Amino acid sequence: MIVHRATLDASQELAQFVARLLWAERQRRGTPFGSRALTCFWQAVLVLRWFRDRNDPTALRRDHQVSRATAYRYIDEVLAVLATQAPACTKHSNEPSGTSCRT
């Protein structure tokens, strides 16, 4: 469990997996080390909290001590990184539930 003022019912492994995806994306973009408000891990935690509870980004921003714009940008960034992991799903997103992303 990850402890962040409360316990997030997501595994540490899940947060680390998302953090590794973010790290790879930051490397691809050439983001300088230390230039972001949150580490990849804490950005992953912010977004996992958003996925889990659909918390208002204003509350997330307060808890993680980032601006509202940064919270929204971090959510969007993780969504984009996760979307690259399943490109076949994006082209079938208009299909009825259960019919897309078949291999």
PDB file of N, CA and C in Angstrom:
ATOM      1  N   MET A   1       0.827  -1.188   0.000  1.00  0.00           N
ATOM      2  CA  MET A   1       0.000   0.000   0.000  1.00  0.00           C
ATOM      3  C   MET A   1       0.877   1.258   0.000  1.00  0.00           C
ATOM      4  N   ILE A   2       0.359   2.291  -0.596  1.00  0.00           N
ATOM      5  CA  ILE A   2       1.053   3.571  -0.625  1.00  0.00           C
ATOM      6  C   ILE A   2       0.382   4.481   0.391  1.00  0.00           C
ATOM      7  N   VAL A   3       1.146   5.061   1.286  1.00  0.00           N
ATOM      8  CA  VAL A   3       0.575   5.941   2.296  1.00  0.00           C
ATOM      9  C   VAL A   3       0.780   7.387   1.862  1.00  0.00           C
ATOM     10  N   HIS A   4      -0.302   8.123   1.760  1.00  0.00           N
ATOM     11  CA  HIS A   4      -0.250   9.534   1.391  1.00  0.00           C
ATOM     12  C   HIS A   4      -1.423  10.229   2.065  1.00  0.00           C
ATOM     13  N   ARG A   5      -1.221  10.619   3.318  1.00  0.00           N
ATOM     14  CA  ARG A   5      -2.256  11.213   4.162  1.00  0.00           C
ATOM     15  C   ARG A   5      -3.425  10.264   4.380  1.00  0.00           C
ATOM     16  N   ALA A   6      -3.529   9.305   3.568  1.00  0.00           N
ATOM     17  CA  ALA A   6      -4.499   8.218   3.669  1.00  0.00           C
ATOM     18  C   ALA A   6      -3.907   7.067   2.871  1.00  0.00           C
ATOM     19  N   THR A   7      -4.458   5.905   3.035  1.00  0.00           N
ATOM     20  CA  THR A   7      -3.933   4.764   2.294  1.00  0.00           C
ATOM     21  C   THR A   7      -4.638   4.654   0.956  1.00  0.00           C
ATOM     22  N   LEU A   8      -3.845   4.595  -0.092  1.00  0.00           N
ATOM     23  CA  LEU A   8      -4.363   4.420  -1.448  1.00  0.00           C
ATOM     24  C   LEU A   8      -4.393   2.925  -1.724  1.00  0.00           C
ATOM     25  N   ASP A   9      -5.554   2.409  -2.087  1.00  0.00           N
ATOM     26  CA  ASP A   9      -5.648   0.966  -2.292  1.00  0.00           C
ATOM     27  C   ASP A   9      -5.172   0.569  -3.690  1.00  0.00           C
ATOM     28  N   ALA A  10      -3.956   0.965  -3.968  1.00  0.00           N
ATOM     29  CA  ALA A  10      -3.254   0.561  -5.188  1.00  0.00           C
ATOM     30  C   ALA A  10      -1.897   0.039  -4.743  1.00  0.00           C
ATOM     31  N   SER A  11      -1.415  -0.925  -5.453  1.00  0.00           N
ATOM     32  CA  SER A  11      -0.142  -1.520  -5.050  1.00  0.00           C
ATOM     33  C   SER A  11       1.034  -0.602  -5.385  1.00  0.00           C
ATOM     34  N   GLN A  12       2.071  -0.783  -4.639  1.00  0.00           N
ATOM     35  CA  GLN A  12       3.316  -0.051  -4.889  1.00  0.00           C
ATOM     36  C   GLN A  12       3.831  -0.404  -6.286  1.00  0.00           C
ATOM     37  N   GLU A  13       3.650  -1.659  -6.678  1.00  0.00           N
ATOM     38  CA  GLU A  13       4.105  -2.116  -7.995  1.00  0.00           C
ATOM     39  C   GLU A  13       3.392  -1.375  -9.117  1.00  0.00           C
ATOM     40  N   LEU A  14       2.098  -1.117  -8.958  1.00  0.00           N
ATOM     41  CA  LEU A  14       1.354  -0.380  -9.974  1.00  0.00           C
ATOM     42  C   LEU A  14       1.884   1.043 -10.092  1.00  0.00           C
ATOM     43  N   ALA A  15       2.092   1.703  -8.952  1.00  0.00           N
ATOM     44  CA  ALA A  15       2.631   3.062  -8.977  1.00  0.00           C
ATOM     45  C   ALA A  15       4.014   3.080  -9.608  1.00  0.00           C
ATOM     46  N   GLN A  16       4.832   2.092  -9.295  1.00  0.00           N
ATOM     47  CA  GLN A  16       6.173   2.030  -9.871  1.00  0.00           C
ATOM     48  C   GLN A  16       6.124   1.752 -11.363  1.00  0.00           C
ATOM     49  N   PHE A  17       5.186   0.927 -11.815  1.00  0.00           N
ATOM     50  CA  PHE A  17       5.026   0.656 -13.238  1.00  0.00           C
ATOM     51  C   PHE A  17       4.672   1.941 -13.986  1.00  0.00           C
ATOM     52  N   VAL A  18       3.686   2.675 -13.482  1.00  0.00           N
ATOM     53  CA  VAL A  18       3.300   3.939 -14.120  1.00  0.00           C
ATOM     54  C   VAL A  18       4.462   4.927 -14.063  1.00  0.00           C
ATOM     55  N   ALA A  19       5.174   4.952 -12.940  1.00  0.00           N
ATOM     56  CA  ALA A  19       6.326   5.859 -12.808  1.00  0.00           C
ATOM     57  C   ALA A  19       7.404   5.529 -13.837  1.00  0.00           C
ATOM     58  N   ARG A  20       7.640   4.240 -14.097  1.00  0.00           N
ATOM     59  CA  ARG A  20       8.643   3.859 -15.108  1.00  0.00           C
ATOM     60  C   ARG A  20       8.213   4.313 -16.503  1.00  0.00           C
ATOM     61  N   LEU A  21       6.914   4.192 -16.803  1.00  0.00           N
ATOM     62  CA  LEU A  21       6.415   4.679 -18.092  1.00  0.00           C
ATOM     63  C   LEU A  21       6.623   6.193 -18.205  1.00  0.00           C
ATOM     64  N   LEU A  22       6.342   6.909 -17.120  1.00  0.00           N
ATOM     65  CA  LEU A  22       6.537   8.368 -17.121  1.00  0.00           C
ATOM     66  C   LEU A  22       8.015   8.714 -17.274  1.00  0.00           C
ATOM     67  N   TRP A  23       8.872   7.967 -16.578  1.00  0.00           N
ATOM     68  CA  TRP A  23      10.306   8.234 -16.668  1.00  0.00           C
ATOM     69  C   TRP A  23      10.778   8.061 -18.109  1.00  0.00           C
ATOM     70  N   ALA A  24      10.318   6.991 -18.756  1.00  0.00           N
ATOM     71  CA  ALA A  24      10.716   6.752 -20.151  1.00  0.00           C
ATOM     72  C   ALA A  24      10.229   7.883 -21.054  1.00  0.00           C
ATOM     73  N   GLU A  25       9.025   8.375 -20.809  1.00  0.00           N
ATOM     74  CA  GLU A  25       8.497   9.482 -21.608  1.00  0.00           C
ATOM     75  C   GLU A  25       9.298  10.759 -21.355  1.00  0.00           C
ATOM     76  N   ARG A  26       9.658  11.010 -20.108  1.00  0.00           N
ATOM     77  CA  ARG A  26      10.475  12.195 -19.801  1.00  0.00           C
ATOM     78  C   ARG A  26      11.843  12.090 -20.465  1.00  0.00           C
ATOM     79  N   GLN A  27      12.403  10.883 -20.486  1.00  0.00           N
ATOM     80  CA  GLN A  27      13.687  10.683 -21.161  1.00  0.00           C
ATOM     81  C   GLN A  27      13.540  10.944 -22.653  1.00  0.00           C
ATOM     82  N   ARG A  28      12.462  10.438 -23.240  1.00  0.00           N
ATOM     83  CA  ARG A  28      12.217  10.625 -24.669  1.00  0.00           C
ATOM     84  C   ARG A  28      12.097  12.104 -25.007  1.00  0.00           C
ATOM     85  N   ARG A  29      11.443  12.865 -24.133  1.00  0.00           N
ATOM     86  CA  ARG A  29      11.255  14.299 -24.352  1.00  0.00           C
ATOM     87  C   ARG A  29      12.490  15.133 -24.006  1.00  0.00           C
ATOM     88  N   GLY A  30      13.429  14.529 -23.293  1.00  0.00           N
ATOM     89  CA  GLY A  30      14.620  15.268 -22.883  1.00  0.00           C
ATOM     90  C   GLY A  30      14.374  16.189 -21.697  1.00  0.00           C
ATOM     91  N   THR A  31      13.438  15.825 -20.830  1.00  0.00           N
ATOM     92  CA  THR A  31      13.120  16.638 -19.656  1.00  0.00           C
ATOM     93  C   THR A  31      14.297  16.612 -18.689  1.00  0.00           C
ATOM     94  N   PRO A  32      14.837  17.762 -18.323  1.00  0.00           N
ATOM     95  CA  PRO A  32      15.973  17.791 -17.392  1.00  0.00           C
ATOM     96  C   PRO A  32      15.583  17.255 -16.010  1.00  0.00           C
ATOM     97  N   PHE A  33      16.480  16.522 -15.387  1.00  0.00           N
ATOM     98  CA  PHE A  33      16.246  15.979 -14.048  1.00  0.00           C
ATOM     99  C   PHE A  33      15.980  17.118 -13.068  1.00  0.00           C
ATOM    100  N   GLY A  34      14.948  16.959 -12.247  1.00  0.00           N
ATOM    101  CA  GLY A  34      14.633  17.951 -11.218  1.00  0.00           C
ATOM    102  C   GLY A  34      13.841  19.148 -11.706  1.00  0.00           C
ATOM    103  N   SER A  35      13.449  19.145 -12.981  1.00  0.00           N
ATOM    104  CA  SER A  35      12.738  20.307 -13.520  1.00  0.00           C
ATOM    105  C   SER A  35      11.225  20.222 -13.307  1.00  0.00           C
ATOM    106  N   ARG A  36      10.728  19.091 -12.842  1.00  0.00           N
ATOM    107  CA  ARG A  36       9.299  18.906 -12.627  1.00  0.00           C
ATOM    108  C   ARG A  36       8.952  19.096 -11.163  1.00  0.00           C
ATOM    109  N   ALA A  37       7.714  19.489 -10.892  1.00  0.00           N
ATOM    110  CA  ALA A  37       7.261  19.710  -9.519  1.00  0.00           C
ATOM    111  C   ALA A  37       7.204  18.404  -8.727  1.00  0.00           C
ATOM    112  N   LEU A  38       6.860  17.298  -9.396  1.00  0.00           N
ATOM    113  CA  LEU A  38       6.779  16.000  -8.734  1.00  0.00           C
ATOM    114  C   LEU A  38       7.690  15.008  -9.437  1.00  0.00           C
ATOM    115  N   THR A  39       8.157  14.042  -8.663  1.00  0.00           N
ATOM    116  CA  THR A  39       8.895  12.939  -9.275  1.00  0.00           C
ATOM    117  C   THR A  39       7.906  12.084 -10.063  1.00  0.00           C
ATOM    118  N   CYS A  40       8.433  11.199 -10.870  1.00  0.00           N
ATOM    119  CA  CYS A  40       7.567  10.295 -11.639  1.00  0.00           C
ATOM    120  C   CYS A  40       6.675   9.478 -10.706  1.00  0.00           C
ATOM    121  N   PHE A  41       7.231   9.028  -9.584  1.00  0.00           N
ATOM    122  CA  PHE A  41       6.457   8.233  -8.642  1.00  0.00           C
ATOM    123  C   PHE A  41       5.284   9.029  -8.080  1.00  0.00           C
ATOM    124  N   TRP A  42       5.526  10.249  -7.623  1.00  0.00           N
ATOM    125  CA  TRP A  42       4.441  11.033  -7.016  1.00  0.00           C
ATOM    126  C   TRP A  42       3.449  11.520  -8.058  1.00  0.00           C
ATOM    127  N   GLN A  43       3.888  11.692  -9.276  1.00  0.00           N
ATOM    128  CA  GLN A  43       2.940  11.993 -10.353  1.00  0.00           C
ATOM    129  C   GLN A  43       2.040  10.787 -10.584  1.00  0.00           C
ATOM    130  N   ALA A  44       2.616   9.597 -10.554  1.00  0.00           N
ATOM    131  CA  ALA A  44       1.824   8.378 -10.699  1.00  0.00           C
ATOM    132  C   ALA A  44       0.811   8.253  -9.564  1.00  0.00           C
ATOM    133  N   VAL A  45       1.224   8.542  -8.343  1.00  0.00           N
ATOM    134  CA  VAL A  45       0.314   8.486  -7.203  1.00  0.00           C
ATOM    135  C   VAL A  45      -0.821   9.493  -7.374  1.00  0.00           C
ATOM    136  N   LEU A  46      -0.500  10.696  -7.785  1.00  0.00           N
ATOM    137  CA  LEU A  46      -1.535  11.712  -8.026  1.00  0.00           C
ATOM    138  C   LEU A  46      -2.580  11.175  -9.001  1.00  0.00           C
ATOM    139  N   VAL A  47      -2.143  10.601 -10.091  1.00  0.00           N
ATOM    140  CA  VAL A  47      -3.071  10.133 -11.119  1.00  0.00           C
ATOM    141  C   VAL A  47      -3.803   8.865 -10.678  1.00  0.00           C
ATOM    142  N   LEU A  48      -3.138   7.979  -9.951  1.00  0.00           N
ATOM    143  CA  LEU A  48      -3.843   6.807  -9.432  1.00  0.00           C
ATOM    144  C   LEU A  48      -4.944   7.231  -8.472  1.00  0.00           C
ATOM    145  N   ARG A  49      -4.703   8.250  -7.675  1.00  0.00           N
ATOM    146  CA  ARG A  49      -5.758   8.786  -6.796  1.00  0.00           C
ATOM    147  C   ARG A  49      -6.909   9.332  -7.635  1.00  0.00           C
ATOM    148  N   TRP A  50      -6.579  10.000  -8.730  1.00  0.00           N
ATOM    149  CA  TRP A  50      -7.619  10.543  -9.602  1.00  0.00           C
ATOM    150  C   TRP A  50      -8.431   9.409 -10.238  1.00  0.00           C
ATOM    151  N   PHE A  51      -7.751   8.365 -10.719  1.00  0.00           N
ATOM    152  CA  PHE A  51      -8.445   7.210 -11.295  1.00  0.00           C
ATOM    153  C   PHE A  51      -9.347   6.528 -10.258  1.00  0.00           C
ATOM    154  N   ARG A  52      -8.818   6.363  -9.062  1.00  0.00           N
ATOM    155  CA  ARG A  52      -9.529   5.599  -8.028  1.00  0.00           C
ATOM    156  C   ARG A  52     -10.780   6.321  -7.539  1.00  0.00           C
ATOM    157  N   ASP A  53     -10.658   7.589  -7.226  1.00  0.00           N
ATOM    158  CA  ASP A  53     -11.752   8.311  -6.572  1.00  0.00           C
ATOM    159  C   ASP A  53     -12.346   9.424  -7.410  1.00  0.00           C
ATOM    160  N   ARG A  54     -11.768   9.679  -8.590  1.00  0.00           N
ATOM    161  CA  ARG A  54     -12.181  10.819  -9.406  1.00  0.00           C
ATOM    162  C   ARG A  54     -12.164  12.103  -8.569  1.00  0.00           C
ATOM    163  N   ASN A  55     -11.107  12.197  -7.769  1.00  0.00           N
ATOM    164  CA  ASN A  55     -10.932  13.395  -6.939  1.00  0.00           C
ATOM    165  C   ASN A  55     -10.870  14.636  -7.806  1.00  0.00           C
ATOM    166  N   ASP A  56     -11.370  15.708  -7.281  1.00  0.00           N
ATOM    167  CA  ASP A  56     -11.278  16.994  -7.948  1.00  0.00           C
ATOM    168  C   ASP A  56      -9.794  17.356  -8.062  1.00  0.00           C
ATOM    169  N   PRO A  57      -9.337  17.716  -9.250  1.00  0.00           N
ATOM    170  CA  PRO A  57      -7.928  18.099  -9.387  1.00  0.00           C
ATOM    171  C   PRO A  57      -7.502  19.216  -8.436  1.00  0.00           C
ATOM    172  N   THR A  58      -8.456  20.027  -7.982  1.00  0.00           N
ATOM    173  CA  THR A  58      -8.118  21.075  -7.012  1.00  0.00           C
ATOM    174  C   THR A  58      -7.660  20.448  -5.697  1.00  0.00           C
ATOM    175  N   ALA A  59      -8.335  19.384  -5.260  1.00  0.00           N
ATOM    176  CA  ALA A  59      -7.921  18.695  -4.038  1.00  0.00           C
ATOM    177  C   ALA A  59      -6.585  17.989  -4.246  1.00  0.00           C
ATOM    178  N   LEU A  60      -6.420  17.360  -5.398  1.00  0.00           N
ATOM    179  CA  LEU A  60      -5.147  16.699  -5.698  1.00  0.00           C
ATOM    180  C   LEU A  60      -4.009  17.704  -5.707  1.00  0.00           C
ATOM    181  N   ARG A  61      -4.260  18.856  -6.320  1.00  0.00           N
ATOM    182  CA  ARG A  61      -3.237  19.888  -6.394  1.00  0.00           C
ATOM    183  C   ARG A  61      -2.826  20.340  -4.999  1.00  0.00           C
ATOM    184  N   ARG A  62      -3.800  20.494  -4.127  1.00  0.00           N
ATOM    185  CA  ARG A  62      -3.507  20.919  -2.749  1.00  0.00           C
ATOM    186  C   ARG A  62      -2.677  19.857  -2.034  1.00  0.00           C
ATOM    187  N   ASP A  63      -3.108  18.604  -2.126  1.00  0.00           N
ATOM    188  CA  ASP A  63      -2.419  17.526  -1.421  1.00  0.00           C
ATOM    189  C   ASP A  63      -1.002  17.306  -1.919  1.00  0.00           C
ATOM    190  N   HIS A  64      -0.771  17.527  -3.215  1.00  0.00           N
ATOM    191  CA  HIS A  64       0.561  17.295  -3.798  1.00  0.00           C
ATOM    192  C   HIS A  64       1.360  18.586  -3.953  1.00  0.00           C
ATOM    193  N   GLN A  65       0.768  19.690  -3.522  1.00  0.00           N
ATOM    194  CA  GLN A  65       1.432  20.997  -3.528  1.00  0.00           C
ATOM    195  C   GLN A  65       1.926  21.395  -4.916  1.00  0.00           C
ATOM    196  N   VAL A  66       1.018  21.275  -5.890  1.00  0.00           N
ATOM    197  CA  VAL A  66       1.298  21.734  -7.242  1.00  0.00           C
ATOM    198  C   VAL A  66       0.155  22.672  -7.649  1.00  0.00           C
ATOM    199  N   SER A  67       0.348  23.401  -8.728  1.00  0.00           N
ATOM    200  CA  SER A  67      -0.709  24.289  -9.194  1.00  0.00           C
ATOM    201  C   SER A  67      -1.845  23.478  -9.817  1.00  0.00           C
ATOM    202  N   ARG A  68      -2.986  24.101  -9.947  1.00  0.00           N
ATOM    203  CA  ARG A  68      -4.133  23.435 -10.578  1.00  0.00           C
ATOM    204  C   ARG A  68      -3.800  23.041 -12.024  1.00  0.00           C
ATOM    205  N   ALA A  69      -3.150  23.944 -12.734  1.00  0.00           N
ATOM    206  CA  ALA A  69      -2.769  23.662 -14.118  1.00  0.00           C
ATOM    207  C   ALA A  69      -1.808  22.470 -14.180  1.00  0.00           C
ATOM    208  N   THR A  70      -0.888  22.393 -13.237  1.00  0.00           N
ATOM    209  CA  THR A  70       0.056  21.270 -13.209  1.00  0.00           C
ATOM    210  C   THR A  70      -0.669  19.964 -12.931  1.00  0.00           C
ATOM    211  N   ALA A  71      -1.626  19.980 -12.019  1.00  0.00           N
ATOM    212  CA  ALA A  71      -2.391  18.757 -11.727  1.00  0.00           C
ATOM    213  C   ALA A  71      -3.106  18.267 -12.974  1.00  0.00           C
ATOM    214  N   TYR A  72      -3.770  19.170 -13.683  1.00  0.00           N
ATOM    215  CA  TYR A  72      -4.449  18.785 -14.921  1.00  0.00           C
ATOM    216  C   TYR A  72      -3.454  18.280 -15.969  1.00  0.00           C
ATOM    217  N   ARG A  73      -2.327  18.968 -16.087  1.00  0.00           N
ATOM    218  CA  ARG A  73      -1.319  18.566 -17.075  1.00  0.00           C
ATOM    219  C   ARG A  73      -0.745  17.185 -16.735  1.00  0.00           C
ATOM    220  N   TYR A  74      -0.513  16.926 -15.455  1.00  0.00           N
ATOM    221  CA  TYR A  74       0.010  15.628 -15.045  1.00  0.00           C
ATOM    222  C   TYR A  74      -0.994  14.515 -15.335  1.00  0.00           C
ATOM    223  N   ILE A  75      -2.278  14.769 -15.104  1.00  0.00           N
ATOM    224  CA  ILE A  75      -3.304  13.773 -15.421  1.00  0.00           C
ATOM    225  C   ILE A  75      -3.303  13.493 -16.919  1.00  0.00           C
ATOM    226  N   ASP A  76      -3.313  14.555 -17.717  1.00  0.00           N
ATOM    227  CA  ASP A  76      -3.304  14.394 -19.176  1.00  0.00           C
ATOM    228  C   ASP A  76      -2.060  13.640 -19.652  1.00  0.00           C
ATOM    229  N   GLU A  77      -0.926  13.937 -19.045  1.00  0.00           N
ATOM    230  CA  GLU A  77       0.317  13.276 -19.454  1.00  0.00           C
ATOM    231  C   GLU A  77       0.259  11.781 -19.183  1.00  0.00           C
ATOM    232  N   VAL A  78      -0.245  11.393 -18.024  1.00  0.00           N
ATOM    233  CA  VAL A  78      -0.326   9.966 -17.708  1.00  0.00           C
ATOM    234  C   VAL A  78      -1.333   9.277 -18.629  1.00  0.00           C
ATOM    235  N   LEU A  79      -2.451   9.914 -18.906  1.00  0.00           N
ATOM    236  CA  LEU A  79      -3.425   9.330 -19.830  1.00  0.00           C
ATOM    237  C   LEU A  79      -2.794   9.086 -21.197  1.00  0.00           C
ATOM    238  N   ALA A  80      -2.015  10.045 -21.672  1.00  0.00           N
ATOM    239  CA  ALA A  80      -1.357   9.892 -22.973  1.00  0.00           C
ATOM    240  C   ALA A  80      -0.321   8.762 -22.937  1.00  0.00           C
ATOM    241  N   VAL A  81       0.447   8.676 -21.862  1.00  0.00           N
ATOM    242  CA  VAL A  81       1.460   7.626 -21.737  1.00  0.00           C
ATOM    243  C   VAL A  81       0.787   6.255 -21.678  1.00  0.00           C
ATOM    244  N   LEU A  82      -0.292   6.139 -20.927  1.00  0.00           N
ATOM    245  CA  LEU A  82      -0.998   4.861 -20.845  1.00  0.00           C
ATOM    246  C   LEU A  82      -1.641   4.504 -22.178  1.00  0.00           C
ATOM    247  N   ALA A  83      -2.131   5.499 -22.894  1.00  0.00           N
ATOM    248  CA  ALA A  83      -2.760   5.244 -24.200  1.00  0.00           C
ATOM    249  C   ALA A  83      -1.760   4.670 -25.189  1.00  0.00           C
ATOM    250  N   THR A  84      -0.498   5.051 -25.085  1.00  0.00           N
ATOM    251  CA  THR A  84       0.511   4.506 -25.998  1.00  0.00           C
ATOM    252  C   THR A  84       0.772   3.029 -25.737  1.00  0.00           C
ATOM    253  N   GLN A  85       0.380   2.551 -24.555  1.00  0.00           N
ATOM    254  CA  GLN A  85       0.580   1.143 -24.218  1.00  0.00           C
ATOM    255  C   GLN A  85      -0.467   0.245 -24.865  1.00  0.00           C
ATOM    256  N   ALA A  86      -1.557   0.831 -25.339  1.00  0.00           N
ATOM    257  CA  ALA A  86      -2.631   0.052 -25.965  1.00  0.00           C
ATOM    258  C   ALA A  86      -3.150   0.783 -27.195  1.00  0.00           C
ATOM    259  N   PRO A  87      -2.297   0.997 -28.213  1.00  0.00           N
ATOM    260  CA  PRO A  87      -2.725   1.775 -29.375  1.00  0.00           C
ATOM    261  C   PRO A  87      -3.891   1.154 -30.128  1.00  0.00           C
ATOM    262  N   ALA A  88      -4.031  -0.160 -30.093  1.00  0.00           N
ATOM    263  CA  ALA A  88      -5.143  -0.799 -30.798  1.00  0.00           C
ATOM    264  C   ALA A  88      -6.482  -0.419 -30.184  1.00  0.00           C
ATOM    265  N   CYS A  89      -6.502  -0.116 -28.908  1.00  0.00           N
ATOM    266  CA  CYS A  89      -7.752   0.250 -28.238  1.00  0.00           C
ATOM    267  C   CYS A  89      -8.239   1.618 -28.684  1.00  0.00           C
ATOM    268  N   THR A  90      -7.346   2.521 -28.987  1.00  0.00           N
ATOM    269  CA  THR A  90      -7.769   3.876 -29.326  1.00  0.00           C
ATOM    270  C   THR A  90      -8.499   3.931 -30.653  1.00  0.00           C
ATOM    271  N   LYS A  91      -8.138   3.084 -31.606  1.00  0.00           N
ATOM    272  CA  LYS A  91      -8.794   3.152 -32.909  1.00  0.00           C
ATOM    273  C   LYS A  91     -10.165   2.483 -32.906  1.00  0.00           C
ATOM    274  N   HIS A  92     -10.479   1.729 -31.850  1.00  0.00           N
ATOM    275  CA  HIS A  92     -11.762   1.058 -31.758  1.00  0.00           C
ATOM    276  C   HIS A  92     -12.608   1.608 -30.616  1.00  0.00           C
ATOM    277  N   SER A  93     -12.309   2.782 -30.134  1.00  0.00           N
ATOM    278  CA  SER A  93     -12.978   3.300 -28.946  1.00  0.00           C
ATOM    279  C   SER A  93     -14.464   3.548 -29.149  1.00  0.00           C
ATOM    280  N   ASN A  94     -14.957   3.614 -30.387  1.00  0.00           N
ATOM    281  CA  ASN A  94     -16.374   3.845 -30.626  1.00  0.00           C
ATOM    282  C   ASN A  94     -17.183   2.564 -30.707  1.00  0.00           C
ATOM    283  N   GLU A  95     -16.525   1.419 -30.622  1.00  0.00           N
ATOM    284  CA  GLU A  95     -17.232   0.153 -30.682  1.00  0.00           C
ATOM    285  C   GLU A  95     -17.925  -0.120 -29.350  1.00  0.00           C
ATOM    286  N   PRO A  96     -18.992  -0.937 -29.364  1.00  0.00           N
ATOM    287  CA  PRO A  96     -19.666  -1.286 -28.107  1.00  0.00           C
ATOM    288  C   PRO A  96     -18.720  -1.949 -27.135  1.00  0.00           C
ATOM    289  N   SER A  97     -18.998  -1.811 -25.870  1.00  0.00           N
ATOM    290  CA  SER A  97     -18.163  -2.384 -24.826  1.00  0.00           C
ATOM    291  C   SER A  97     -17.972  -3.881 -25.046  1.00  0.00           C
ATOM    292  N   GLY A  98     -16.745  -4.328 -24.842  1.00  0.00           N
ATOM    293  CA  GLY A  98     -16.438  -5.738 -24.978  1.00  0.00           C
ATOM    294  C   GLY A  98     -16.043  -6.170 -26.377  1.00  0.00           C
ATOM    295  N   THR A  99     -16.121  -5.291 -27.370  1.00  0.00           N
ATOM    296  CA  THR A  99     -15.777  -5.695 -28.726  1.00  0.00           C
ATOM    297  C   THR A  99     -14.451  -5.116 -29.181  1.00  0.00           C
ATOM    298  N   SER A 100     -13.900  -4.172 -28.468  1.00  0.00           N
ATOM    299  CA  SER A 100     -12.650  -3.568 -28.900  1.00  0.00           C
ATOM    300  C   SER A 100     -11.455  -4.233 -28.229  1.00  0.00           C
ATOM    301  N   CYS A 101     -10.298  -4.024 -28.800  1.00  0.00           N
ATOM    302  CA  CYS A 101      -9.016  -4.476 -28.265  1.00  0.00           C
ATOM    303  C   CYS A 101      -8.871  -5.985 -28.223  1.00  0.00           C
ATOM    304  N   ARG A 102      -9.508  -6.684 -29.130  1.00  0.00           N
ATOM    305  CA  ARG A 102      -9.323  -8.140 -29.188  1.00  0.00           C
ATOM    306  C   ARG A 102      -8.068  -8.450 -29.970  1.00  0.00           C
ATOM    307  N   THR A 103      -7.391  -9.502 -29.547  1.00  0.00           N
ATOM    308  CA  THR A 103      -6.183  -9.911 -30.246  1.00  0.00           C
ATOM    309  C   THR A 103      -6.417 -11.164 -31.024  1.00  0.00           C
TER     310      THR A 103
END
